[in-house]
Amino acid sequence: MSTLILGIESSCDDTSAAVIRDGYLLSNVVASQAVHEAYGGVVPELASRAHQQNIVPVVHEALKRAGVTKEELSAVAFTRGPGLMGSLLVGVSFAKGFARSLGIPMVDVNHLNGHVLAHFIQVEGEETDQPEYPFLCLLVSGGNSQIILVRGYNDMEILGQTIDDAAGEAIDKCSKVMGLGYPGGPIIDRLARQGNPKAYSFSKPHIPGLDYSFSGLKTSFLYSLKQWLQEDPQFIAHHKEDLAASLEATVVEILMDKLRKASKQCGIKQVAVAGGVSANNGLRQAFKDHAAKYGWKIFIPKFSYTTDNAAMIAIAGYFKYLDKQFCPMEAPAYSRVSL
């Protein structure tokens, strides 16, 4: 008998639902929230309200596209945390009510764990190259920058992580100061393709071990920009492509430097990347360059699996369901926690 998992993701500003049958993706529906663009960042209260409006139609559409009924589902997998508490509560509450009404188990998923396991999503008729355990995963997003040793779907160890700003957060803040808009990651990525990555030099951190820091880079960028604007008020308009390219190149260099060290220390050459920043073209190219230079076997997710989505929650829930790792009805959402 087939195992059908409904996945629900509502950790931040995207409401998503997906259906997986025996590890194969049948549907993945995402409703994004444009309301935050005017504020230059996610407004938690607005995000939770939008989730309330979107979750029922999104789940309905996911089931419709998958061609299944809710009565056929084996379990409901949902993001329990980390994330924005108001947003999480919408998804958690819906999952509890939905599972109870159908008399099926719930499976709680760590959002970060889901990003890592996105590499195991399969689609019928498509070849999927999946990493073998153990492997390293660079998880980079607006709120996280981590190097993770993955020994199994339920056995992950954080080897290094940011001690302040995350990579995506630093890029977003620099983009905002430049007046380029929100979210800054895709804008910087687009402009960087037209600029010179060696046009400007910014400070790089000297943090021991495998931990990251991006606050110094952000400060260096903003200080330099202030100086240049004093000399030329139109500096950003004239040099935004080179600024974007230099900023992106510096972030990628910082990320890859620690990842190389982790690979050498662990003796692991299977290396994956996940999270929203994994959509960045400069980072993707760096992975390809490292594969050629250091003999890595790399795993880069589809663009649709880089941002927050329910497909990754569903596949993580599928693995837990097979091991009967169910979630009690009284389990609360959590805003912050490690893997």
C-alpha atoms as a PDB file:
ATOM      1  CA  MET A   1       0.000   0.000   0.000  1.00  0.00           C
ATOM      2  CA  SER A   2       1.334   3.449  -0.908  1.00  0.00           C
ATOM      3  CA  THR A   3       2.481   5.930   1.705  1.00  0.00           C
ATOM      4  CA  LEU A   4       1.035   9.381   1.022  1.00  0.00           C
ATOM      5  CA  ILE A   5       2.396  12.325   2.988  1.00  0.00           C
ATOM      6  CA  LEU A   6       0.950  15.835   2.977  1.00  0.00           C
ATOM      7  CA  GLY A   7       3.637  18.408   3.822  1.00  0.00           C
ATOM      8  CA  ILE A   8       2.857  21.866   5.209  1.00  0.00           C
ATOM      9  CA  GLU A   9       5.374  24.716   5.421  1.00  0.00           C
ATOM     10  CA  SER A  10       4.607  28.085   7.075  1.00  0.00           C
ATOM     11  CA  SER A  11       7.781  29.098   8.894  1.00  0.00           C
ATOM     12  CA  CYS A  12       8.160  32.582   7.403  1.00  0.00           C
ATOM     13  CA  ASP A  13       6.350  34.353   4.567  1.00  0.00           C
ATOM     14  CA  ASP A  14       5.580  31.535   2.118  1.00  0.00           C
ATOM     15  CA  THR A  15       2.594  29.238   2.575  1.00  0.00           C
ATOM     16  CA  SER A  16       3.259  25.891   0.932  1.00  0.00           C
ATOM     17  CA  ALA A  17       1.724  22.425   0.715  1.00  0.00           C
ATOM     18  CA  ALA A  18       3.034  19.341  -1.070  1.00  0.00           C
ATOM     19  CA  VAL A  19       2.105  15.694  -1.517  1.00  0.00           C
ATOM     20  CA  ILE A  20       4.637  12.866  -1.716  1.00  0.00           C
ATOM     21  CA  ARG A  21       3.894   9.230  -2.533  1.00  0.00           C
ATOM     22  CA  ASP A  22       6.565   6.715  -1.500  1.00  0.00           C
ATOM     23  CA  GLY A  23       9.266   9.389  -1.770  1.00  0.00           C
ATOM     24  CA  TYR A  24       8.096  10.752  -5.134  1.00  0.00           C
ATOM     25  CA  LEU A  25       6.739  14.275  -5.405  1.00  0.00           C
ATOM     26  CA  LEU A  26       3.214  14.595  -6.779  1.00  0.00           C
ATOM     27  CA  SER A  27       2.640  18.311  -6.132  1.00  0.00           C
ATOM     28  CA  ASN A  28       4.300  21.327  -4.544  1.00  0.00           C
ATOM     29  CA  VAL A  29       2.251  24.533  -4.252  1.00  0.00           C
ATOM     30  CA  VAL A  30       3.690  27.786  -2.897  1.00  0.00           C
ATOM     31  CA  ALA A  31       1.837  31.044  -2.198  1.00  0.00           C
ATOM     32  CA  SER A  32       4.273  33.938  -1.764  1.00  0.00           C
ATOM     33  CA  GLN A  33       3.494  37.178   0.057  1.00  0.00           C
ATOM     34  CA  ALA A  34       4.258  40.372  -1.867  1.00  0.00           C
ATOM     35  CA  VAL A  35       2.926  42.546   0.963  1.00  0.00           C
ATOM     36  CA  HIS A  36       6.357  42.671   2.645  1.00  0.00           C
ATOM     37  CA  GLU A  37       8.152  44.350  -0.264  1.00  0.00           C
ATOM     38  CA  ALA A  38       6.946  47.808   0.780  1.00  0.00           C
ATOM     39  CA  TYR A  39       8.557  47.358   4.202  1.00  0.00           C
ATOM     40  CA  GLY A  40      11.926  46.048   3.057  1.00  0.00           C
ATOM     41  CA  GLY A  41      11.556  42.860   5.081  1.00  0.00           C
ATOM     42  CA  VAL A  42       9.084  40.362   6.504  1.00  0.00           C
ATOM     43  CA  VAL A  43       6.519  41.838   8.906  1.00  0.00           C
ATOM     44  CA  PRO A  44       5.577  38.961  11.267  1.00  0.00           C
ATOM     45  CA  GLU A  45       1.987  40.054  11.916  1.00  0.00           C
ATOM     46  CA  LEU A  46       1.263  40.499   8.212  1.00  0.00           C
ATOM     47  CA  ALA A  47       2.880  37.142   7.484  1.00  0.00           C
ATOM     48  CA  SER A  48       0.688  35.244   9.944  1.00  0.00           C
ATOM     49  CA  ARG A  49      -2.466  36.898   8.596  1.00  0.00           C
ATOM     50  CA  ALA A  50      -1.532  35.953   5.038  1.00  0.00           C
ATOM     51  CA  HIS A  51      -0.892  32.342   6.120  1.00  0.00           C
ATOM     52  CA  GLN A  52      -4.413  32.200   7.568  1.00  0.00           C
ATOM     53  CA  GLN A  53      -5.830  33.337   4.232  1.00  0.00           C
ATOM     54  CA  ASN A  54      -3.653  31.046   2.104  1.00  0.00           C
ATOM     55  CA  ILE A  55      -3.346  27.733   3.917  1.00  0.00           C
ATOM     56  CA  VAL A  56      -6.736  26.210   3.067  1.00  0.00           C
ATOM     57  CA  PRO A  57      -6.647  26.999  -0.684  1.00  0.00           C
ATOM     58  CA  VAL A  58      -2.969  25.980  -0.896  1.00  0.00           C
ATOM     59  CA  VAL A  59      -3.623  22.578   0.700  1.00  0.00           C
ATOM     60  CA  HIS A  60      -6.696  22.107  -1.480  1.00  0.00           C
ATOM     61  CA  GLU A  61      -4.660  22.878  -4.622  1.00  0.00           C
ATOM     62  CA  ALA A  62      -1.817  20.545  -3.577  1.00  0.00           C
ATOM     63  CA  LEU A  63      -4.238  17.632  -3.156  1.00  0.00           C
ATOM     64  CA  LYS A  64      -5.965  18.493  -6.446  1.00  0.00           C
ATOM     65  CA  ARG A  65      -2.711  18.604  -8.429  1.00  0.00           C
ATOM     66  CA  ALA A  66      -1.564  15.352  -6.823  1.00  0.00           C
ATOM     67  CA  GLY A  67      -4.820  13.685  -7.832  1.00  0.00           C
ATOM     68  CA  VAL A  68      -5.524  12.341  -4.342  1.00  0.00           C
ATOM     69  CA  THR A  69      -8.181  12.883  -1.712  1.00  0.00           C
ATOM     70  CA  LYS A  70      -7.509  13.799   1.887  1.00  0.00           C
ATOM     71  CA  GLU A  71      -8.925  10.416   2.961  1.00  0.00           C
ATOM     72  CA  GLU A  72      -6.051   8.658   1.160  1.00  0.00           C
ATOM     73  CA  LEU A  73      -3.336  10.423   3.176  1.00  0.00           C
ATOM     74  CA  SER A  74      -1.147   8.375   5.498  1.00  0.00           C
ATOM     75  CA  ALA A  75       0.097  11.294   7.612  1.00  0.00           C
ATOM     76  CA  VAL A  76       0.510  15.060   7.799  1.00  0.00           C
ATOM     77  CA  ALA A  77       4.055  16.434   8.033  1.00  0.00           C
ATOM     78  CA  PHE A  78       4.455  20.040   9.143  1.00  0.00           C
ATOM     79  CA  THR A  79       7.138  22.559  10.009  1.00  0.00           C
ATOM     80  CA  ARG A  80       7.200  22.808  13.795  1.00  0.00           C
ATOM     81  CA  GLY A  81      10.144  25.226  13.854  1.00  0.00           C
ATOM     82  CA  PRO A  82      12.297  27.204  13.775  1.00  0.00           C
ATOM     83  CA  GLY A  83      10.714  30.306  12.287  1.00  0.00           C
ATOM     84  CA  LEU A  84       8.344  33.161  13.055  1.00  0.00           C
ATOM     85  CA  MET A  85       6.077  32.029  15.878  1.00  0.00           C
ATOM     86  CA  GLY A  86       2.889  33.567  14.461  1.00  0.00           C
ATOM     87  CA  SER A  87       3.497  31.981  11.064  1.00  0.00           C
ATOM     88  CA  LEU A  88       4.368  28.603  12.559  1.00  0.00           C
ATOM     89  CA  LEU A  89       1.245  28.564  14.703  1.00  0.00           C
ATOM     90  CA  VAL A  90      -0.965  28.797  11.625  1.00  0.00           C
ATOM     91  CA  GLY A  91       0.630  25.730  10.039  1.00  0.00           C
ATOM     92  CA  VAL A  92       0.881  23.766  13.277  1.00  0.00           C
ATOM     93  CA  SER A  93      -2.738  24.458  14.231  1.00  0.00           C
ATOM     94  CA  PHE A  94      -3.992  23.538  10.766  1.00  0.00           C
ATOM     95  CA  ALA A  95      -1.963  20.303  10.742  1.00  0.00           C
ATOM     96  CA  LYS A  96      -3.325  19.279  14.136  1.00  0.00           C
ATOM     97  CA  GLY A  97      -6.936  19.897  13.167  1.00  0.00           C
ATOM     98  CA  PHE A  98      -6.498  18.265   9.766  1.00  0.00           C
ATOM     99  CA  ALA A  99      -4.797  15.148  11.179  1.00  0.00           C
ATOM    100  CA  ARG A 100      -7.311  14.768  13.993  1.00  0.00           C
ATOM    101  CA  SER A 101     -10.299  15.054  11.644  1.00  0.00           C
ATOM    102  CA  LEU A 102      -8.855  12.281   9.451  1.00  0.00           C
ATOM    103  CA  GLY A 103      -7.567  10.120  12.292  1.00  0.00           C
ATOM    104  CA  ILE A 104      -4.026   9.994  10.867  1.00  0.00           C
ATOM    105  CA  PRO A 105      -0.671  10.637  12.579  1.00  0.00           C
ATOM    106  CA  MET A 106       1.299  13.883  12.516  1.00  0.00           C
ATOM    107  CA  VAL A 107       5.018  14.141  11.811  1.00  0.00           C
ATOM    108  CA  ASP A 108       6.861  17.256  12.953  1.00  0.00           C
ATOM    109  CA  VAL A 109       9.805  18.471  10.872  1.00  0.00           C
ATOM    110  CA  ASN A 110      12.680  20.785  11.709  1.00  0.00           C
ATOM    111  CA  HIS A 111      12.711  23.436   8.979  1.00  0.00           C
ATOM    112  CA  LEU A 112      16.515  23.353   8.623  1.00  0.00           C
ATOM    113  CA  ASN A 113      16.514  19.564   8.489  1.00  0.00           C
ATOM    114  CA  GLY A 114      14.017  19.839   5.648  1.00  0.00           C
ATOM    115  CA  HIS A 115      16.327  22.064   3.606  1.00  0.00           C
ATOM    116  CA  VAL A 116      19.103  19.467   3.869  1.00  0.00           C
ATOM    117  CA  LEU A 117      16.813  16.583   2.916  1.00  0.00           C
ATOM    118  CA  ALA A 118      15.484  18.426  -0.150  1.00  0.00           C
ATOM    119  CA  HIS A 119      18.242  16.573  -2.023  1.00  0.00           C
ATOM    120  CA  PHE A 120      16.253  13.345  -1.608  1.00  0.00           C
ATOM    121  CA  ILE A 121      13.076  14.546  -3.327  1.00  0.00           C
ATOM    122  CA  GLN A 122      12.328  12.374  -6.349  1.00  0.00           C
ATOM    123  CA  VAL A 123      10.088  13.074  -9.332  1.00  0.00           C
ATOM    124  CA  GLU A 124       8.662  10.294 -11.490  1.00  0.00           C
ATOM    125  CA  GLY A 125      10.471  10.097 -14.826  1.00  0.00           C
ATOM    126  CA  GLU A 126      13.409  12.252 -13.690  1.00  0.00           C
ATOM    127  CA  GLU A 127      16.815  10.977 -12.648  1.00  0.00           C
ATOM    128  CA  THR A 128      17.808  12.198  -9.200  1.00  0.00           C
ATOM    129  CA  ASP A 129      21.419  12.056  -8.071  1.00  0.00           C
ATOM    130  CA  GLN A 130      21.185  11.742  -4.288  1.00  0.00           C
ATOM    131  CA  PRO A 131      24.086  12.102  -1.847  1.00  0.00           C
ATOM    132  CA  GLU A 132      25.255   9.093   0.122  1.00  0.00           C
ATOM    133  CA  TYR A 133      25.812   9.264   3.858  1.00  0.00           C
ATOM    134  CA  PRO A 134      27.911  10.783   5.248  1.00  0.00           C
ATOM    135  CA  PHE A 135      28.032  14.054   3.336  1.00  0.00           C
ATOM    136  CA  LEU A 136      28.569  17.727   4.072  1.00  0.00           C
ATOM    137  CA  CYS A 137      25.874  20.301   3.476  1.00  0.00           C
ATOM    138  CA  LEU A 138      26.313  24.058   3.334  1.00  0.00           C
ATOM    139  CA  LEU A 139      22.991  25.475   4.505  1.00  0.00           C
ATOM    140  CA  VAL A 140      22.728  29.155   3.614  1.00  0.00           C
ATOM    141  CA  SER A 141      19.665  31.374   3.840  1.00  0.00           C
ATOM    142  CA  GLY A 142      18.527  34.750   5.106  1.00  0.00           C
ATOM    143  CA  GLY A 143      18.719  33.533   8.696  1.00  0.00           C
ATOM    144  CA  ASN A 144      21.225  30.668   8.681  1.00  0.00           C
ATOM    145  CA  SER A 145      24.746  29.923   7.515  1.00  0.00           C
ATOM    146  CA  GLN A 146      25.819  26.465   8.644  1.00  0.00           C
ATOM    147  CA  ILE A 147      28.131  23.635   7.681  1.00  0.00           C
ATOM    148  CA  ILE A 148      26.412  20.369   8.568  1.00  0.00           C
ATOM    149  CA  LEU A 149      27.801  16.845   8.723  1.00  0.00           C
ATOM    150  CA  VAL A 150      24.946  14.595   7.622  1.00  0.00           C
ATOM    151  CA  ARG A 151      25.292  10.984   8.776  1.00  0.00           C
ATOM    152  CA  GLY A 152      21.634  10.121   8.259  1.00  0.00           C
ATOM    153  CA  TYR A 153      18.238  11.751   7.823  1.00  0.00           C
ATOM    154  CA  ASN A 154      17.962  11.923  11.621  1.00  0.00           C
ATOM    155  CA  ASP A 155      21.670  12.294  12.430  1.00  0.00           C
ATOM    156  CA  MET A 156      23.043  15.757  11.622  1.00  0.00           C
ATOM    157  CA  GLU A 157      25.830  17.656  13.358  1.00  0.00           C
ATOM    158  CA  ILE A 158      26.507  21.373  12.933  1.00  0.00           C
ATOM    159  CA  LEU A 159      30.266  21.760  12.437  1.00  0.00           C
ATOM    160  CA  GLY A 160      30.191  25.528  12.011  1.00  0.00           C
ATOM    161  CA  GLN A 161      27.652  28.330  11.888  1.00  0.00           C
ATOM    162  CA  THR A 162      27.415  32.097  11.847  1.00  0.00           C
ATOM    163  CA  ILE A 163      28.089  33.895  15.106  1.00  0.00           C
ATOM    164  CA  ASP A 164      26.214  37.005  13.936  1.00  0.00           C
ATOM    165  CA  ASP A 165      24.627  37.833  10.570  1.00  0.00           C
ATOM    166  CA  ALA A 166      23.875  35.086   8.081  1.00  0.00           C
ATOM    167  CA  ALA A 167      25.102  35.339   4.490  1.00  0.00           C
ATOM    168  CA  GLY A 168      21.660  36.064   3.066  1.00  0.00           C
ATOM    169  CA  GLU A 169      20.938  38.593   5.803  1.00  0.00           C
ATOM    170  CA  ALA A 170      24.128  40.525   5.026  1.00  0.00           C
ATOM    171  CA  ILE A 171      23.295  40.611   1.311  1.00  0.00           C
ATOM    172  CA  ASP A 172      19.724  41.771   1.996  1.00  0.00           C
ATOM    173  CA  LYS A 173      20.902  44.580   4.284  1.00  0.00           C
ATOM    174  CA  CYS A 174      23.504  45.809   1.806  1.00  0.00           C
ATOM    175  CA  SER A 175      20.926  45.728  -0.970  1.00  0.00           C
ATOM    176  CA  LYS A 176      18.500  47.726   1.157  1.00  0.00           C
ATOM    177  CA  VAL A 177      21.094  50.430   1.883  1.00  0.00           C
ATOM    178  CA  MET A 178      21.822  50.664  -1.835  1.00  0.00           C
ATOM    179  CA  GLY A 179      18.112  51.243  -2.445  1.00  0.00           C
ATOM    180  CA  LEU A 180      17.811  48.191  -4.671  1.00  0.00           C
ATOM    181  CA  GLY A 181      14.713  46.691  -3.077  1.00  0.00           C
ATOM    182  CA  TYR A 182      13.646  43.560  -1.205  1.00  0.00           C
ATOM    183  CA  PRO A 183      14.420  40.711  -1.227  1.00  0.00           C
ATOM    184  CA  GLY A 184      17.977  41.715  -1.990  1.00  0.00           C
ATOM    185  CA  GLY A 185      19.430  38.295  -2.845  1.00  0.00           C
ATOM    186  CA  PRO A 186      17.914  37.877  -6.319  1.00  0.00           C
ATOM    187  CA  ILE A 187      18.578  41.550  -7.157  1.00  0.00           C
ATOM    188  CA  ILE A 188      22.258  41.349  -6.182  1.00  0.00           C
ATOM    189  CA  ASP A 189      22.569  38.064  -8.059  1.00  0.00           C
ATOM    190  CA  ARG A 190      21.126  39.579 -11.245  1.00  0.00           C
ATOM    191  CA  LEU A 191      23.315  42.702 -11.104  1.00  0.00           C
ATOM    192  CA  ALA A 192      26.432  40.693 -10.237  1.00  0.00           C
ATOM    193  CA  ARG A 193      26.282  38.896 -13.585  1.00  0.00           C
ATOM    194  CA  GLN A 194      26.876  42.253 -15.289  1.00  0.00           C
ATOM    195  CA  GLY A 195      29.653  43.505 -12.993  1.00  0.00           C
ATOM    196  CA  ASN A 196      33.317  42.987 -12.174  1.00  0.00           C
ATOM    197  CA  PRO A 197      33.782  40.863  -9.019  1.00  0.00           C
ATOM    198  CA  LYS A 198      37.279  42.297  -8.510  1.00  0.00           C
ATOM    199  CA  ALA A 199      36.259  45.953  -8.780  1.00  0.00           C
ATOM    200  CA  TYR A 200      36.142  46.507  -4.999  1.00  0.00           C
ATOM    201  CA  SER A 201      37.652  44.862  -1.955  1.00  0.00           C
ATOM    202  CA  PHE A 202      35.851  44.402   1.359  1.00  0.00           C
ATOM    203  CA  SER A 203      36.979  43.115   4.739  1.00  0.00           C
ATOM    204  CA  LYS A 204      36.886  39.375   5.367  1.00  0.00           C
ATOM    205  CA  PRO A 205      36.478  37.845   8.845  1.00  0.00           C
ATOM    206  CA  HIS A 206      39.182  35.919  10.686  1.00  0.00           C
ATOM    207  CA  ILE A 207      37.093  33.585  12.819  1.00  0.00           C
ATOM    208  CA  PRO A 208      38.777  30.415  14.146  1.00  0.00           C
ATOM    209  CA  GLY A 209      37.405  26.988  13.384  1.00  0.00           C
ATOM    210  CA  LEU A 210      34.507  26.512  11.005  1.00  0.00           C
ATOM    211  CA  ASP A 211      32.218  29.281  12.263  1.00  0.00           C
ATOM    212  CA  TYR A 212      31.144  32.166  10.051  1.00  0.00           C
ATOM    213  CA  SER A 213      30.777  35.903  10.570  1.00  0.00           C
ATOM    214  CA  PHE A 214      29.291  38.394   8.135  1.00  0.00           C
ATOM    215  CA  SER A 215      28.771  41.460  10.301  1.00  0.00           C
ATOM    216  CA  GLY A 216      32.298  42.732   9.546  1.00  0.00           C
ATOM    217  CA  LEU A 217      31.739  42.408   5.809  1.00  0.00           C
ATOM    218  CA  LYS A 218      28.457  44.288   6.109  1.00  0.00           C
ATOM    219  CA  THR A 219      30.092  47.056   8.137  1.00  0.00           C
ATOM    220  CA  SER A 220      33.015  47.311   5.690  1.00  0.00           C
ATOM    221  CA  PHE A 221      30.629  47.529   2.743  1.00  0.00           C
ATOM    222  CA  LEU A 222      28.476  50.216   4.359  1.00  0.00           C
ATOM    223  CA  TYR A 223      31.478  52.280   5.498  1.00  0.00           C
ATOM    224  CA  SER A 224      33.063  52.182   2.039  1.00  0.00           C
ATOM    225  CA  LEU A 225      29.765  53.045   0.403  1.00  0.00           C
ATOM    226  CA  LYS A 226      29.339  56.059   2.668  1.00  0.00           C
ATOM    227  CA  GLN A 227      32.787  57.348   1.693  1.00  0.00           C
ATOM    228  CA  TRP A 228      32.140  56.884  -2.015  1.00  0.00           C
ATOM    229  CA  LEU A 229      28.759  58.615  -1.833  1.00  0.00           C
ATOM    230  CA  GLN A 230      30.352  61.656  -0.200  1.00  0.00           C
ATOM    231  CA  GLU A 231      32.621  61.974  -3.203  1.00  0.00           C
ATOM    232  CA  ASP A 232      29.924  61.152  -5.768  1.00  0.00           C
ATOM    233  CA  PRO A 233      26.211  61.224  -4.796  1.00  0.00           C
ATOM    234  CA  GLN A 234      25.439  59.174  -7.919  1.00  0.00           C
ATOM    235  CA  PHE A 235      28.006  56.514  -7.112  1.00  0.00           C
ATOM    236  CA  ILE A 236      25.495  53.673  -6.638  1.00  0.00           C
ATOM    237  CA  ALA A 237      23.691  54.431  -9.881  1.00  0.00           C
ATOM    238  CA  HIS A 238      26.991  54.421 -11.790  1.00  0.00           C
ATOM    239  CA  HIS A 239      28.585  51.373 -10.129  1.00  0.00           C
ATOM    240  CA  LYS A 240      25.797  49.139  -8.788  1.00  0.00           C
ATOM    241  CA  GLU A 241      26.759  46.192 -11.025  1.00  0.00           C
ATOM    242  CA  ASP A 242      30.379  46.198  -9.838  1.00  0.00           C
ATOM    243  CA  LEU A 243      29.295  46.705  -6.221  1.00  0.00           C
ATOM    244  CA  ALA A 244      26.923  43.746  -6.458  1.00  0.00           C
ATOM    245  CA  ALA A 245      29.527  41.543  -8.135  1.00  0.00           C
ATOM    246  CA  SER A 246      32.210  42.394  -5.554  1.00  0.00           C
ATOM    247  CA  LEU A 247      29.826  41.859  -2.637  1.00  0.00           C
ATOM    248  CA  GLU A 248      28.632  38.524  -3.987  1.00  0.00           C
ATOM    249  CA  ALA A 249      32.171  37.340  -4.707  1.00  0.00           C
ATOM    250  CA  THR A 250      33.284  38.178  -1.161  1.00  0.00           C
ATOM    251  CA  VAL A 251      30.351  36.323   0.424  1.00  0.00           C
ATOM    252  CA  VAL A 252      30.952  33.277  -1.753  1.00  0.00           C
ATOM    253  CA  GLU A 253      34.677  33.300  -0.946  1.00  0.00           C
ATOM    254  CA  ILE A 254      33.948  33.395   2.788  1.00  0.00           C
ATOM    255  CA  LEU A 255      31.467  30.524   2.513  1.00  0.00           C
ATOM    256  CA  MET A 256      33.682  28.299   0.376  1.00  0.00           C
ATOM    257  CA  ASP A 257      36.839  28.872   2.448  1.00  0.00           C
ATOM    258  CA  LYS A 258      35.302  27.290   5.553  1.00  0.00           C
ATOM    259  CA  LEU A 259      33.595  24.570   3.518  1.00  0.00           C
ATOM    260  CA  ARG A 260      36.960  23.537   2.032  1.00  0.00           C
ATOM    261  CA  LYS A 261      38.392  23.302   5.541  1.00  0.00           C
ATOM    262  CA  ALA A 262      35.471  21.167   6.686  1.00  0.00           C
ATOM    263  CA  SER A 263      35.873  18.828   3.720  1.00  0.00           C
ATOM    264  CA  LYS A 264      39.563  18.414   4.446  1.00  0.00           C
ATOM    265  CA  GLN A 265      39.070  17.874   8.188  1.00  0.00           C
ATOM    266  CA  CYS A 266      36.313  15.289   7.713  1.00  0.00           C
ATOM    267  CA  GLY A 267      37.816  13.623   4.669  1.00  0.00           C
ATOM    268  CA  ILE A 268      34.453  13.941   2.912  1.00  0.00           C
ATOM    269  CA  LYS A 269      34.152  14.947  -0.731  1.00  0.00           C
ATOM    270  CA  GLN A 270      30.398  14.558  -1.106  1.00  0.00           C
ATOM    271  CA  VAL A 271      29.255  18.151  -0.636  1.00  0.00           C
ATOM    272  CA  ALA A 272      25.770  19.619  -0.969  1.00  0.00           C
ATOM    273  CA  VAL A 273      24.319  23.109  -0.716  1.00  0.00           C
ATOM    274  CA  ALA A 274      20.809  24.050   0.446  1.00  0.00           C
ATOM    275  CA  GLY A 275      18.699  27.029   1.502  1.00  0.00           C
ATOM    276  CA  GLY A 276      17.607  30.213  -0.216  1.00  0.00           C
ATOM    277  CA  VAL A 277      21.123  31.463  -0.983  1.00  0.00           C
ATOM    278  CA  SER A 278      21.849  28.202  -2.839  1.00  0.00           C
ATOM    279  CA  ALA A 279      19.919  29.784  -5.729  1.00  0.00           C
ATOM    280  CA  ASN A 280      22.752  32.302  -6.127  1.00  0.00           C
ATOM    281  CA  ASN A 281      24.562  31.784  -9.438  1.00  0.00           C
ATOM    282  CA  GLY A 282      27.948  32.779  -8.051  1.00  0.00           C
ATOM    283  CA  LEU A 283      27.712  30.180  -5.285  1.00  0.00           C
ATOM    284  CA  ARG A 284      26.533  27.502  -7.703  1.00  0.00           C
ATOM    285  CA  GLN A 285      29.470  28.222  -9.987  1.00  0.00           C
ATOM    286  CA  ALA A 286      31.861  28.078  -7.029  1.00  0.00           C
ATOM    287  CA  PHE A 287      30.576  24.588  -6.225  1.00  0.00           C
ATOM    288  CA  LYS A 288      31.207  23.501  -9.811  1.00  0.00           C
ATOM    289  CA  ASP A 289      34.702  25.004  -9.728  1.00  0.00           C
ATOM    290  CA  HIS A 290      35.502  23.207  -6.459  1.00  0.00           C
ATOM    291  CA  ALA A 291      34.215  19.938  -7.885  1.00  0.00           C
ATOM    292  CA  ALA A 292      36.664  20.265 -10.777  1.00  0.00           C
ATOM    293  CA  LYS A 293      39.577  21.419  -8.629  1.00  0.00           C
ATOM    294  CA  TYR A 294      39.196  19.266  -5.506  1.00  0.00           C
ATOM    295  CA  GLY A 295      37.383  16.223  -6.823  1.00  0.00           C
ATOM    296  CA  TRP A 296      34.175  16.914  -4.923  1.00  0.00           C
ATOM    297  CA  LYS A 297      30.941  15.218  -5.868  1.00  0.00           C
ATOM    298  CA  ILE A 298      28.488  18.079  -5.544  1.00  0.00           C
ATOM    299  CA  PHE A 299      24.728  18.256  -5.085  1.00  0.00           C
ATOM    300  CA  ILE A 300      22.914  21.448  -6.038  1.00  0.00           C
ATOM    301  CA  PRO A 301      19.116  21.586  -5.602  1.00  0.00           C
ATOM    302  CA  LYS A 302      16.590  22.682  -8.181  1.00  0.00           C
ATOM    303  CA  PHE A 303      15.695  26.346  -7.867  1.00  0.00           C
ATOM    304  CA  SER A 304      12.183  25.363  -6.736  1.00  0.00           C
ATOM    305  CA  TYR A 305      13.656  23.536  -3.724  1.00  0.00           C
ATOM    306  CA  THR A 306      15.980  26.325  -2.579  1.00  0.00           C
ATOM    307  CA  THR A 307      13.428  28.629  -0.996  1.00  0.00           C
ATOM    308  CA  ASP A 308      10.942  27.585   1.682  1.00  0.00           C
ATOM    309  CA  ASN A 309       8.693  24.868   0.257  1.00  0.00           C
ATOM    310  CA  ALA A 310       6.575  21.998   1.507  1.00  0.00           C
ATOM    311  CA  ALA A 311       8.205  19.370  -0.717  1.00  0.00           C
ATOM    312  CA  MET A 312      11.231  19.306   1.590  1.00  0.00           C
ATOM    313  CA  ILE A 313       8.936  19.048   4.625  1.00  0.00           C
ATOM    314  CA  ALA A 314       7.045  16.175   3.029  1.00  0.00           C
ATOM    315  CA  ILE A 315      10.192  14.165   2.213  1.00  0.00           C
ATOM    316  CA  ALA A 316      11.587  14.692   5.716  1.00  0.00           C
ATOM    317  CA  GLY A 317       8.208  13.640   7.113  1.00  0.00           C
ATOM    318  CA  TYR A 318       8.188  10.583   4.857  1.00  0.00           C
ATOM    319  CA  PHE A 319      11.468   9.312   6.327  1.00  0.00           C
ATOM    320  CA  LYS A 320      10.215   9.872   9.866  1.00  0.00           C
ATOM    321  CA  TYR A 321       6.899   8.196   9.064  1.00  0.00           C
ATOM    322  CA  LEU A 322       8.680   5.047   7.916  1.00  0.00           C
ATOM    323  CA  ASP A 323      10.363   4.894  11.332  1.00  0.00           C
ATOM    324  CA  LYS A 324       7.052   5.672  13.083  1.00  0.00           C
ATOM    325  CA  GLN A 325       8.430   8.876  14.588  1.00  0.00           C
ATOM    326  CA  PHE A 326       5.083  10.533  15.156  1.00  0.00           C
ATOM    327  CA  CYS A 327       4.346  13.833  16.872  1.00  0.00           C
ATOM    328  CA  PRO A 328       1.964  14.092  19.859  1.00  0.00           C
ATOM    329  CA  MET A 329      -1.028  16.389  19.464  1.00  0.00           C
ATOM    330  CA  GLU A 330       0.103  18.623  22.338  1.00  0.00           C
ATOM    331  CA  ALA A 331       3.559  19.371  20.829  1.00  0.00           C
ATOM    332  CA  PRO A 332       4.031  23.176  20.546  1.00  0.00           C
ATOM    333  CA  ALA A 333       5.702  25.187  17.800  1.00  0.00           C
ATOM    334  CA  TYR A 334       9.189  26.530  18.522  1.00  0.00           C
ATOM    335  CA  SER A 335      10.807  29.658  17.130  1.00  0.00           C
ATOM    336  CA  ARG A 336      14.500  28.869  17.616  1.00  0.00           C
ATOM    337  CA  VAL A 337      16.382  25.600  17.934  1.00  0.00           C
ATOM    338  CA  SER A 338      19.431  23.885  16.420  1.00  0.00           C
ATOM    339  CA  LEU A 339      19.389  20.724  14.344  1.00  0.00           C
END
